[in-house]
Amino acid sequence: MENSKKSLLPFRHRILLSKDQCPKTTEERVYMSKIPYAKAVGSLIYAMLYTRPDIYYAIGMVSRYQSNPRMAQWTVVKHILKYLRRTKDYMLVYSSTDLTPVGYTDSDF
């Protein structure tokens, strides 16, 4: 990934992912079982939850195929990683003069 091109968007326009693209033959399943798809998606979910809400839609699309991914889905995951590489200096910054946490609850629940 270090020498890869950097991506401008986390999810490309007109990318169609569906269950029809999932591996159907044993050879495809064996090949995809060697690719760390679920680990990569899990790491992306962690990043999305804590620092990178900009990849929320893209992660939602690729996380649907963790049990039976195909190369099309893996290509999209690599594209998201390239986007994160390009935007690694972007981050959420929370600042306030008052650091008192505020919480709300629904008492009618």
PDB file of N, CA and C in Angstrom:
ATOM      1  N   MET A   1       0.818  -1.199   0.000  1.00  0.00           N
ATOM      2  CA  MET A   1       0.000   0.000   0.000  1.00  0.00           C
ATOM      3  C   MET A   1       0.861   1.262   0.000  1.00  0.00           C
ATOM      4  N   GLU A   2       2.096   1.175   0.462  1.00  0.00           N
ATOM      5  CA  GLU A   2       2.933   2.362   0.539  1.00  0.00           C
ATOM      6  C   GLU A   2       3.207   2.959  -0.832  1.00  0.00           C
ATOM      7  N   ASN A   3       3.350   2.127  -1.848  1.00  0.00           N
ATOM      8  CA  ASN A   3       3.670   2.609  -3.184  1.00  0.00           C
ATOM      9  C   ASN A   3       2.440   2.767  -4.071  1.00  0.00           C
ATOM     10  N   SER A   4       1.271   2.592  -3.512  1.00  0.00           N
ATOM     11  CA  SER A   4       0.049   2.666  -4.313  1.00  0.00           C
ATOM     12  C   SER A   4      -0.330   4.111  -4.608  1.00  0.00           C
ATOM     13  N   LYS A   5      -1.153   4.265  -5.634  1.00  0.00           N
ATOM     14  CA  LYS A   5      -1.682   5.590  -5.932  1.00  0.00           C
ATOM     15  C   LYS A   5      -2.669   5.980  -4.848  1.00  0.00           C
ATOM     16  N   LYS A   6      -2.798   7.261  -4.639  1.00  0.00           N
ATOM     17  CA  LYS A   6      -3.720   7.748  -3.616  1.00  0.00           C
ATOM     18  C   LYS A   6      -5.079   8.009  -4.253  1.00  0.00           C
ATOM     19  N   SER A   7      -6.121   7.785  -3.494  1.00  0.00           N
ATOM     20  CA  SER A   7      -7.480   7.913  -4.001  1.00  0.00           C
ATOM     21  C   SER A   7      -8.115   9.209  -3.512  1.00  0.00           C
ATOM     22  N   LEU A   8      -8.990   9.792  -4.329  1.00  0.00           N
ATOM     23  CA  LEU A   8      -9.649  11.044  -3.960  1.00  0.00           C
ATOM     24  C   LEU A   8     -10.925  10.836  -3.162  1.00  0.00           C
ATOM     25  N   LEU A   9     -11.624   9.730  -3.395  1.00  0.00           N
ATOM     26  CA  LEU A   9     -12.891   9.462  -2.720  1.00  0.00           C
ATOM     27  C   LEU A   9     -12.866   8.073  -2.094  1.00  0.00           C
ATOM     28  N   PRO A  10     -13.572   7.879  -0.974  1.00  0.00           N
ATOM     29  CA  PRO A  10     -13.570   6.555  -0.358  1.00  0.00           C
ATOM     30  C   PRO A  10     -14.366   5.510  -1.134  1.00  0.00           C
ATOM     31  N   PHE A  11     -15.331   5.939  -1.952  1.00  0.00           N
ATOM     32  CA  PHE A  11     -16.152   5.001  -2.719  1.00  0.00           C
ATOM     33  C   PHE A  11     -16.411   5.608  -4.087  1.00  0.00           C
ATOM     34  N   ARG A  12     -16.057   4.888  -5.134  1.00  0.00           N
ATOM     35  CA  ARG A  12     -16.224   5.408  -6.488  1.00  0.00           C
ATOM     36  C   ARG A  12     -17.685   5.387  -6.933  1.00  0.00           C
ATOM     37  N   HIS A  13     -18.018   6.320  -7.779  1.00  0.00           N
ATOM     38  CA  HIS A  13     -19.360   6.416  -8.340  1.00  0.00           C
ATOM     39  C   HIS A  13     -19.600   5.240  -9.284  1.00  0.00           C
ATOM     40  N   ARG A  14     -20.802   4.718  -9.265  1.00  0.00           N
ATOM     41  CA  ARG A  14     -21.256   3.629 -10.143  1.00  0.00           C
ATOM     42  C   ARG A  14     -20.573   2.288  -9.872  1.00  0.00           C
ATOM     43  N   ILE A  15     -20.101   2.078  -8.672  1.00  0.00           N
ATOM     44  CA  ILE A  15     -19.594   0.759  -8.288  1.00  0.00           C
ATOM     45  C   ILE A  15     -20.780  -0.049  -7.792  1.00  0.00           C
ATOM     46  N   LEU A  16     -21.019  -1.183  -8.403  1.00  0.00           N
ATOM     47  CA  LEU A  16     -22.141  -2.029  -8.010  1.00  0.00           C
ATOM     48  C   LEU A  16     -21.607  -3.282  -7.327  1.00  0.00           C
ATOM     49  N   LEU A  17     -22.009  -3.479  -6.094  1.00  0.00           N
ATOM     50  CA  LEU A  17     -21.651  -4.679  -5.352  1.00  0.00           C
ATOM     51  C   LEU A  17     -22.931  -5.446  -5.068  1.00  0.00           C
ATOM     52  N   SER A  18     -22.895  -6.754  -5.294  1.00  0.00           N
ATOM     53  CA  SER A  18     -24.081  -7.567  -5.032  1.00  0.00           C
ATOM     54  C   SER A  18     -23.671  -8.976  -4.633  1.00  0.00           C
ATOM     55  N   LYS A  19     -24.628  -9.724  -4.109  1.00  0.00           N
ATOM     56  CA  LYS A  19     -24.356 -11.111  -3.729  1.00  0.00           C
ATOM     57  C   LYS A  19     -24.115 -11.979  -4.951  1.00  0.00           C
ATOM     58  N   ASP A  20     -24.549 -11.530  -6.118  1.00  0.00           N
ATOM     59  CA  ASP A  20     -24.303 -12.285  -7.343  1.00  0.00           C
ATOM     60  C   ASP A  20     -22.815 -12.348  -7.670  1.00  0.00           C
ATOM     61  N   GLN A  21     -22.040 -11.400  -7.125  1.00  0.00           N
ATOM     62  CA  GLN A  21     -20.606 -11.369  -7.377  1.00  0.00           C
ATOM     63  C   GLN A  21     -19.834 -12.306  -6.450  1.00  0.00           C
ATOM     64  N   CYS A  22     -20.483 -12.869  -5.461  1.00  0.00           N
ATOM     65  CA  CYS A  22     -19.796 -13.732  -4.493  1.00  0.00           C
ATOM     66  C   CYS A  22     -19.263 -14.982  -5.182  1.00  0.00           C
ATOM     67  N   PRO A  23     -18.171 -15.555  -4.654  1.00  0.00           N
ATOM     68  CA  PRO A  23     -17.581 -16.742  -5.282  1.00  0.00           C
ATOM     69  C   PRO A  23     -18.563 -17.906  -5.337  1.00  0.00           C
ATOM     70  N   LYS A  24     -18.582 -18.559  -6.468  1.00  0.00           N
ATOM     71  CA  LYS A  24     -19.491 -19.684  -6.642  1.00  0.00           C
ATOM     72  C   LYS A  24     -18.745 -21.012  -6.726  1.00  0.00           C
ATOM     73  N   THR A  25     -17.495 -20.977  -7.151  1.00  0.00           N
ATOM     74  CA  THR A  25     -16.728 -22.215  -7.259  1.00  0.00           C
ATOM     75  C   THR A  25     -15.835 -22.393  -6.033  1.00  0.00           C
ATOM     76  N   THR A  26     -15.419 -23.613  -5.828  1.00  0.00           N
ATOM     77  CA  THR A  26     -14.542 -23.928  -4.696  1.00  0.00           C
ATOM     78  C   THR A  26     -13.192 -23.239  -4.849  1.00  0.00           C
ATOM     79  N   GLU A  27     -12.684 -23.164  -6.075  1.00  0.00           N
ATOM     80  CA  GLU A  27     -11.390 -22.519  -6.306  1.00  0.00           C
ATOM     81  C   GLU A  27     -11.426 -21.043  -5.933  1.00  0.00           C
ATOM     82  N   GLU A  28     -12.505 -20.358  -6.306  1.00  0.00           N
ATOM     83  CA  GLU A  28     -12.633 -18.942  -5.944  1.00  0.00           C
ATOM     84  C   GLU A  28     -12.708 -18.770  -4.430  1.00  0.00           C
ATOM     85  N   ARG A  29     -13.430 -19.646  -3.759  1.00  0.00           N
ATOM     86  CA  ARG A  29     -13.555 -19.557  -2.296  1.00  0.00           C
ATOM     87  C   ARG A  29     -12.217 -19.796  -1.609  1.00  0.00           C
ATOM     88  N   VAL A  30     -11.456 -20.761  -2.105  1.00  0.00           N
ATOM     89  CA  VAL A  30     -10.141 -21.049  -1.519  1.00  0.00           C
ATOM     90  C   VAL A  30      -9.211 -19.859  -1.732  1.00  0.00           C
ATOM     91  N   TYR A  31      -9.237 -19.282  -2.924  1.00  0.00           N
ATOM     92  CA  TYR A  31      -8.390 -18.120  -3.209  1.00  0.00           C
ATOM     93  C   TYR A  31      -8.751 -16.949  -2.300  1.00  0.00           C
ATOM     94  N   MET A  32     -10.031 -16.668  -2.148  1.00  0.00           N
ATOM     95  CA  MET A  32     -10.456 -15.537  -1.316  1.00  0.00           C
ATOM     96  C   MET A  32     -10.246 -15.804   0.169  1.00  0.00           C
ATOM     97  N   SER A  33     -10.189 -17.062   0.575  1.00  0.00           N
ATOM     98  CA  SER A  33      -9.957 -17.355   1.992  1.00  0.00           C
ATOM     99  C   SER A  33      -8.545 -16.967   2.421  1.00  0.00           C
ATOM    100  N   LYS A  34      -7.634 -16.831   1.466  1.00  0.00           N
ATOM    101  CA  LYS A  34      -6.256 -16.428   1.770  1.00  0.00           C
ATOM    102  C   LYS A  34      -6.103 -14.917   1.882  1.00  0.00           C
ATOM    103  N   ILE A  35      -7.113 -14.171   1.498  1.00  0.00           N
ATOM    104  CA  ILE A  35      -7.065 -12.704   1.545  1.00  0.00           C
ATOM    105  C   ILE A  35      -7.682 -12.240   2.860  1.00  0.00           C
ATOM    106  N   PRO A  36      -7.017 -11.337   3.588  1.00  0.00           N
ATOM    107  CA  PRO A  36      -7.510 -10.898   4.913  1.00  0.00           C
ATOM    108  C   PRO A  36      -8.644  -9.878   4.818  1.00  0.00           C
ATOM    109  N   TYR A  37      -9.694 -10.234   4.113  1.00  0.00           N
ATOM    110  CA  TYR A  37     -10.807  -9.310   3.877  1.00  0.00           C
ATOM    111  C   TYR A  37     -11.490  -8.895   5.179  1.00  0.00           C
ATOM    112  N   ALA A  38     -11.868  -9.854   6.000  1.00  0.00           N
ATOM    113  CA  ALA A  38     -12.595  -9.539   7.239  1.00  0.00           C
ATOM    114  C   ALA A  38     -11.738  -8.726   8.199  1.00  0.00           C
ATOM    115  N   LYS A  39     -10.448  -9.018   8.270  1.00  0.00           N
ATOM    116  CA  LYS A  39      -9.553  -8.249   9.141  1.00  0.00           C
ATOM    117  C   LYS A  39      -9.439  -6.806   8.666  1.00  0.00           C
ATOM    118  N   ALA A  40      -9.326  -6.627   7.358  1.00  0.00           N
ATOM    119  CA  ALA A  40      -9.218  -5.276   6.814  1.00  0.00           C
ATOM    120  C   ALA A  40     -10.500  -4.488   7.061  1.00  0.00           C
ATOM    121  N   VAL A  41     -11.640  -5.115   6.836  1.00  0.00           N
ATOM    122  CA  VAL A  41     -12.919  -4.435   7.069  1.00  0.00           C
ATOM    123  C   VAL A  41     -13.090  -4.118   8.554  1.00  0.00           C
ATOM    124  N   GLY A  42     -12.694  -5.036   9.422  1.00  0.00           N
ATOM    125  CA  GLY A  42     -12.769  -4.783  10.860  1.00  0.00           C
ATOM    126  C   GLY A  42     -11.916  -3.602  11.282  1.00  0.00           C
ATOM    127  N   SER A  43     -10.727  -3.498  10.726  1.00  0.00           N
ATOM    128  CA  SER A  43      -9.859  -2.356  11.028  1.00  0.00           C
ATOM    129  C   SER A  43     -10.461  -1.056  10.513  1.00  0.00           C
ATOM    130  N   LEU A  44     -11.071  -1.119   9.340  1.00  0.00           N
ATOM    131  CA  LEU A  44     -11.714   0.075   8.788  1.00  0.00           C
ATOM    132  C   LEU A  44     -12.919   0.491   9.627  1.00  0.00           C
ATOM    133  N   ILE A  45     -13.658  -0.470  10.147  1.00  0.00           N
ATOM    134  CA  ILE A  45     -14.797  -0.146  11.015  1.00  0.00           C
ATOM    135  C   ILE A  45     -14.306   0.554  12.276  1.00  0.00           C
ATOM    136  N   TYR A  46     -13.211   0.070  12.842  1.00  0.00           N
ATOM    137  CA  TYR A  46     -12.637   0.706  14.032  1.00  0.00           C
ATOM    138  C   TYR A  46     -12.258   2.157  13.732  1.00  0.00           C
ATOM    139  N   ALA A  47     -11.580   2.370  12.605  1.00  0.00           N
ATOM    140  CA  ALA A  47     -11.194   3.732  12.227  1.00  0.00           C
ATOM    141  C   ALA A  47     -12.421   4.602  11.986  1.00  0.00           C
ATOM    142  N   MET A  48     -13.435   4.038  11.351  1.00  0.00           N
ATOM    143  CA  MET A  48     -14.655   4.787  11.058  1.00  0.00           C
ATOM    144  C   MET A  48     -15.349   5.233  12.342  1.00  0.00           C
ATOM    145  N   LEU A  49     -15.427   4.353  13.311  1.00  0.00           N
ATOM    146  CA  LEU A  49     -16.158   4.669  14.540  1.00  0.00           C
ATOM    147  C   LEU A  49     -15.491   5.757  15.361  1.00  0.00           C
ATOM    148  N   TYR A  50     -14.175   5.802  15.373  1.00  0.00           N
ATOM    149  CA  TYR A  50     -13.490   6.696  16.299  1.00  0.00           C
ATOM    150  C   TYR A  50     -12.894   7.944  15.667  1.00  0.00           C
ATOM    151  N   THR A  51     -12.471   7.884  14.420  1.00  0.00           N
ATOM    152  CA  THR A  51     -11.809   9.067  13.862  1.00  0.00           C
ATOM    153  C   THR A  51     -12.213   9.422  12.444  1.00  0.00           C
ATOM    154  N   ARG A  52     -12.833   8.510  11.700  1.00  0.00           N
ATOM    155  CA  ARG A  52     -13.069   8.749  10.283  1.00  0.00           C
ATOM    156  C   ARG A  52     -14.509   8.502   9.862  1.00  0.00           C
ATOM    157  N   PRO A  53     -15.446   9.359  10.259  1.00  0.00           N
ATOM    158  CA  PRO A  53     -16.836   9.155   9.838  1.00  0.00           C
ATOM    159  C   PRO A  53     -17.049   9.367   8.339  1.00  0.00           C
ATOM    160  N   ASP A  54     -16.067   9.915   7.636  1.00  0.00           N
ATOM    161  CA  ASP A  54     -16.201  10.152   6.199  1.00  0.00           C
ATOM    162  C   ASP A  54     -16.227   8.859   5.386  1.00  0.00           C
ATOM    163  N   ILE A  55     -15.827   7.743   5.968  1.00  0.00           N
ATOM    164  CA  ILE A  55     -15.834   6.482   5.227  1.00  0.00           C
ATOM    165  C   ILE A  55     -17.020   5.601   5.607  1.00  0.00           C
ATOM    166  N   TYR A  56     -17.976   6.166   6.301  1.00  0.00           N
ATOM    167  CA  TYR A  56     -19.108   5.391   6.824  1.00  0.00           C
ATOM    168  C   TYR A  56     -19.867   4.652   5.715  1.00  0.00           C
ATOM    169  N   TYR A  57     -20.233   5.338   4.644  1.00  0.00           N
ATOM    170  CA  TYR A  57     -21.012   4.717   3.567  1.00  0.00           C
ATOM    171  C   TYR A  57     -20.224   3.591   2.900  1.00  0.00           C
ATOM    172  N   ALA A  58     -18.973   3.852   2.597  1.00  0.00           N
ATOM    173  CA  ALA A  58     -18.158   2.852   1.908  1.00  0.00           C
ATOM    174  C   ALA A  58     -17.980   1.601   2.763  1.00  0.00           C
ATOM    175  N   ILE A  59     -17.772   1.776   4.059  1.00  0.00           N
ATOM    176  CA  ILE A  59     -17.616   0.628   4.952  1.00  0.00           C
ATOM    177  C   ILE A  59     -18.931  -0.142   5.053  1.00  0.00           C
ATOM    178  N   GLY A  60     -20.032   0.566   5.076  1.00  0.00           N
ATOM    179  CA  GLY A  60     -21.327  -0.102   5.107  1.00  0.00           C
ATOM    180  C   GLY A  60     -21.543  -0.987   3.894  1.00  0.00           C
ATOM    181  N   MET A  61     -21.052  -0.549   2.751  1.00  0.00           N
ATOM    182  CA  MET A  61     -21.206  -1.339   1.530  1.00  0.00           C
ATOM    183  C   MET A  61     -20.336  -2.595   1.547  1.00  0.00           C
ATOM    184  N   VAL A  62     -19.076  -2.472   1.962  1.00  0.00           N
ATOM    185  CA  VAL A  62     -18.179  -3.632   1.891  1.00  0.00           C
ATOM    186  C   VAL A  62     -18.346  -4.585   3.071  1.00  0.00           C
ATOM    187  N   SER A  63     -18.884  -4.107   4.184  1.00  0.00           N
ATOM    188  CA  SER A  63     -19.021  -4.986   5.351  1.00  0.00           C
ATOM    189  C   SER A  63     -20.124  -6.030   5.162  1.00  0.00           C
ATOM    190  N   ARG A  64     -20.965  -5.846   4.186  1.00  0.00           N
ATOM    191  CA  ARG A  64     -22.036  -6.813   3.907  1.00  0.00           C
ATOM    192  C   ARG A  64     -21.504  -8.139   3.380  1.00  0.00           C
ATOM    193  N   TYR A  65     -20.295  -8.140   2.873  1.00  0.00           N
ATOM    194  CA  TYR A  65     -19.768  -9.316   2.179  1.00  0.00           C
ATOM    195  C   TYR A  65     -18.628  -9.990   2.939  1.00  0.00           C
ATOM    196  N   GLN A  66     -18.569  -9.827   4.255  1.00  0.00           N
ATOM    197  CA  GLN A  66     -17.458 -10.393   5.017  1.00  0.00           C
ATOM    198  C   GLN A  66     -17.448 -11.916   5.012  1.00  0.00           C
ATOM    199  N   SER A  67     -18.598 -12.537   4.940  1.00  0.00           N
ATOM    200  CA  SER A  67     -18.634 -14.001   4.996  1.00  0.00           C
ATOM    201  C   SER A  67     -18.285 -14.655   3.665  1.00  0.00           C
ATOM    202  N   ASN A  68     -18.478 -13.953   2.551  1.00  0.00           N
ATOM    203  CA  ASN A  68     -18.238 -14.556   1.244  1.00  0.00           C
ATOM    204  C   ASN A  68     -17.810 -13.484   0.237  1.00  0.00           C
ATOM    205  N   PRO A  69     -16.624 -12.877   0.430  1.00  0.00           N
ATOM    206  CA  PRO A  69     -16.217 -11.793  -0.472  1.00  0.00           C
ATOM    207  C   PRO A  69     -15.662 -12.306  -1.793  1.00  0.00           C
ATOM    208  N   ARG A  70     -15.623 -11.428  -2.759  1.00  0.00           N
ATOM    209  CA  ARG A  70     -15.026 -11.711  -4.056  1.00  0.00           C
ATOM    210  C   ARG A  70     -14.022 -10.609  -4.359  1.00  0.00           C
ATOM    211  N   MET A  71     -13.287 -10.739  -5.439  1.00  0.00           N
ATOM    212  CA  MET A  71     -12.257  -9.756  -5.772  1.00  0.00           C
ATOM    213  C   MET A  71     -12.836  -8.359  -5.967  1.00  0.00           C
ATOM    214  N   ALA A  72     -14.057  -8.235  -6.450  1.00  0.00           N
ATOM    215  CA  ALA A  72     -14.659  -6.906  -6.632  1.00  0.00           C
ATOM    216  C   ALA A  72     -14.777  -6.186  -5.295  1.00  0.00           C
ATOM    217  N   GLN A  73     -15.199  -6.907  -4.267  1.00  0.00           N
ATOM    218  CA  GLN A  73     -15.312  -6.303  -2.943  1.00  0.00           C
ATOM    219  C   GLN A  73     -13.931  -5.999  -2.369  1.00  0.00           C
ATOM    220  N   TRP A  74     -12.965  -6.878  -2.580  1.00  0.00           N
ATOM    221  CA  TRP A  74     -11.605  -6.656  -2.088  1.00  0.00           C
ATOM    222  C   TRP A  74     -10.983  -5.434  -2.764  1.00  0.00           C
ATOM    223  N   THR A  75     -11.280  -5.229  -4.036  1.00  0.00           N
ATOM    224  CA  THR A  75     -10.779  -4.048  -4.738  1.00  0.00           C
ATOM    225  C   THR A  75     -11.333  -2.776  -4.115  1.00  0.00           C
ATOM    226  N   VAL A  76     -12.593  -2.785  -3.719  1.00  0.00           N
ATOM    227  CA  VAL A  76     -13.189  -1.612  -3.070  1.00  0.00           C
ATOM    228  C   VAL A  76     -12.537  -1.369  -1.709  1.00  0.00           C
ATOM    229  N   VAL A  77     -12.251  -2.427  -0.957  1.00  0.00           N
ATOM    230  CA  VAL A  77     -11.575  -2.272   0.339  1.00  0.00           C
ATOM    231  C   VAL A  77     -10.196  -1.649   0.134  1.00  0.00           C
ATOM    232  N   LYS A  78      -9.463  -2.106  -0.881  1.00  0.00           N
ATOM    233  CA  LYS A  78      -8.150  -1.518  -1.161  1.00  0.00           C
ATOM    234  C   LYS A  78      -8.285  -0.054  -1.562  1.00  0.00           C
ATOM    235  N   HIS A  79      -9.344   0.274  -2.271  1.00  0.00           N
ATOM    236  CA  HIS A  79      -9.589   1.663  -2.661  1.00  0.00           C
ATOM    237  C   HIS A  79      -9.821   2.540  -1.418  1.00  0.00           C
ATOM    238  N   ILE A  80     -10.563   2.031  -0.448  1.00  0.00           N
ATOM    239  CA  ILE A  80     -10.801   2.774   0.796  1.00  0.00           C
ATOM    240  C   ILE A  80      -9.480   2.977   1.537  1.00  0.00           C
ATOM    241  N   LEU A  81      -8.644   1.948   1.565  1.00  0.00           N
ATOM    242  CA  LEU A  81      -7.336   2.076   2.215  1.00  0.00           C
ATOM    243  C   LEU A  81      -6.469   3.125   1.526  1.00  0.00           C
ATOM    244  N   LYS A  82      -6.545   3.183   0.196  1.00  0.00           N
ATOM    245  CA  LYS A  82      -5.810   4.214  -0.540  1.00  0.00           C
ATOM    246  C   LYS A  82      -6.325   5.601  -0.194  1.00  0.00           C
ATOM    247  N   TYR A  83      -7.634   5.735  -0.052  1.00  0.00           N
ATOM    248  CA  TYR A  83      -8.221   7.017   0.348  1.00  0.00           C
ATOM    249  C   TYR A  83      -7.714   7.428   1.728  1.00  0.00           C
ATOM    250  N   LEU A  84      -7.676   6.485   2.656  1.00  0.00           N
ATOM    251  CA  LEU A  84      -7.187   6.795   3.999  1.00  0.00           C
ATOM    252  C   LEU A  84      -5.714   7.176   3.973  1.00  0.00           C
ATOM    253  N   ARG A  85      -4.961   6.554   3.101  1.00  0.00           N
ATOM    254  CA  ARG A  85      -3.547   6.908   2.964  1.00  0.00           C
ATOM    255  C   ARG A  85      -3.403   8.348   2.480  1.00  0.00           C
ATOM    256  N   ARG A  86      -4.241   8.758   1.558  1.00  0.00           N
ATOM    257  CA  ARG A  86      -4.180  10.118   1.028  1.00  0.00           C
ATOM    258  C   ARG A  86      -4.607  11.141   2.069  1.00  0.00           C
ATOM    259  N   THR A  87      -5.563  10.781   2.898  1.00  0.00           N
ATOM    260  CA  THR A  87      -6.141  11.740   3.840  1.00  0.00           C
ATOM    261  C   THR A  87      -5.715  11.459   5.278  1.00  0.00           C
ATOM    262  N   LYS A  88      -4.537  10.877   5.473  1.00  0.00           N
ATOM    263  CA  LYS A  88      -4.122  10.499   6.822  1.00  0.00           C
ATOM    264  C   LYS A  88      -3.897  11.699   7.735  1.00  0.00           C
ATOM    265  N   ASP A  89      -3.724  12.880   7.178  1.00  0.00           N
ATOM    266  CA  ASP A  89      -3.550  14.074   8.010  1.00  0.00           C
ATOM    267  C   ASP A  89      -4.876  14.738   8.358  1.00  0.00           C
ATOM    268  N   TYR A  90      -5.980  14.219   7.833  1.00  0.00           N
ATOM    269  CA  TYR A  90      -7.299  14.746   8.180  1.00  0.00           C
ATOM    270  C   TYR A  90      -7.759  14.067   9.460  1.00  0.00           C
ATOM    271  N   MET A  91      -8.416  14.800  10.321  1.00  0.00           N
ATOM    272  CA  MET A  91      -8.889  14.195  11.565  1.00  0.00           C
ATOM    273  C   MET A  91      -9.984  15.041  12.171  1.00  0.00           C
ATOM    274  N   LEU A  92     -10.706  14.454  13.083  1.00  0.00           N
ATOM    275  CA  LEU A  92     -11.685  15.196  13.860  1.00  0.00           C
ATOM    276  C   LEU A  92     -10.973  15.839  15.038  1.00  0.00           C
ATOM    277  N   VAL A  93     -11.290  17.087  15.294  1.00  0.00           N
ATOM    278  CA  VAL A  93     -10.717  17.778  16.447  1.00  0.00           C
ATOM    279  C   VAL A  93     -11.872  18.305  17.269  1.00  0.00           C
ATOM    280  N   TYR A  94     -11.911  17.885  18.499  1.00  0.00           N
ATOM    281  CA  TYR A  94     -12.936  18.348  19.418  1.00  0.00           C
ATOM    282  C   TYR A  94     -12.294  19.376  20.337  1.00  0.00           C
ATOM    283  N   SER A  95     -12.847  20.574  20.346  1.00  0.00           N
ATOM    284  CA  SER A  95     -12.298  21.584  21.247  1.00  0.00           C
ATOM    285  C   SER A  95     -13.439  22.362  21.873  1.00  0.00           C
ATOM    286  N   SER A  96     -13.180  22.777  23.087  1.00  0.00           N
ATOM    287  CA  SER A  96     -14.178  23.537  23.816  1.00  0.00           C
ATOM    288  C   SER A  96     -13.498  24.179  25.011  1.00  0.00           C
ATOM    289  N   THR A  97     -14.057  25.277  25.456  1.00  0.00           N
ATOM    290  CA  THR A  97     -13.527  25.884  26.675  1.00  0.00           C
ATOM    291  C   THR A  97     -14.094  25.183  27.896  1.00  0.00           C
ATOM    292  N   ASP A  98     -15.256  24.577  27.742  1.00  0.00           N
ATOM    293  CA  ASP A  98     -15.896  23.861  28.839  1.00  0.00           C
ATOM    294  C   ASP A  98     -15.790  22.363  28.573  1.00  0.00           C
ATOM    295  N   LEU A  99     -15.022  21.663  29.372  1.00  0.00           N
ATOM    296  CA  LEU A  99     -14.801  20.239  29.159  1.00  0.00           C
ATOM    297  C   LEU A  99     -15.708  19.365  30.008  1.00  0.00           C
ATOM    298  N   THR A 100     -16.856  19.893  30.385  1.00  0.00           N
ATOM    299  CA  THR A 100     -17.811  19.122  31.166  1.00  0.00           C
ATOM    300  C   THR A 100     -18.639  18.246  30.229  1.00  0.00           C
ATOM    301  N   PRO A 101     -18.615  16.924  30.425  1.00  0.00           N
ATOM    302  CA  PRO A 101     -19.435  16.070  29.562  1.00  0.00           C
ATOM    303  C   PRO A 101     -20.921  16.276  29.847  1.00  0.00           C
ATOM    304  N   VAL A 102     -21.707  16.282  28.794  1.00  0.00           N
ATOM    305  CA  VAL A 102     -23.146  16.467  28.912  1.00  0.00           C
ATOM    306  C   VAL A 102     -23.807  15.199  28.397  1.00  0.00           C
ATOM    307  N   GLY A 103     -24.748  14.665  29.163  1.00  0.00           N
ATOM    308  CA  GLY A 103     -25.454  13.465  28.739  1.00  0.00           C
ATOM    309  C   GLY A 103     -26.950  13.667  28.848  1.00  0.00           C
ATOM    310  N   TYR A 104     -27.686  12.998  27.991  1.00  0.00           N
ATOM    311  CA  TYR A 104     -29.140  13.095  27.977  1.00  0.00           C
ATOM    312  C   TYR A 104     -29.724  11.694  28.047  1.00  0.00           C
ATOM    313  N   THR A 105     -30.918  11.598  28.575  1.00  0.00           N
ATOM    314  CA  THR A 105     -31.600  10.314  28.625  1.00  0.00           C
ATOM    315  C   THR A 105     -33.080  10.513  28.339  1.00  0.00           C
ATOM    316  N   ASP A 106     -33.721   9.474  27.868  1.00  0.00           N
ATOM    317  CA  ASP A 106     -35.148   9.514  27.596  1.00  0.00           C
ATOM    318  C   ASP A 106     -35.857   8.843  28.767  1.00  0.00           C
ATOM    319  N   SER A 107     -36.456   9.624  29.635  1.00  0.00           N
ATOM    320  CA  SER A 107     -37.072   9.074  30.844  1.00  0.00           C
ATOM    321  C   SER A 107     -38.386   8.347  30.546  1.00  0.00           C
ATOM    322  N   ASP A 108     -38.969   8.554  29.378  1.00  0.00           N
ATOM    323  CA  ASP A 108     -40.214   7.880  29.017  1.00  0.00           C
ATOM    324  C   ASP A 108     -39.976   6.480  28.461  1.00  0.00           C
ATOM    325  N   PHE A 109     -38.768   6.115  28.254  1.00  0.00           N
ATOM    326  CA  PHE A 109     -38.452   4.826  27.644  1.00  0.00           C
ATOM    327  C   PHE A 109     -38.663   3.736  28.599  1.00  0.00           C
TER     328      PHE A 109
END
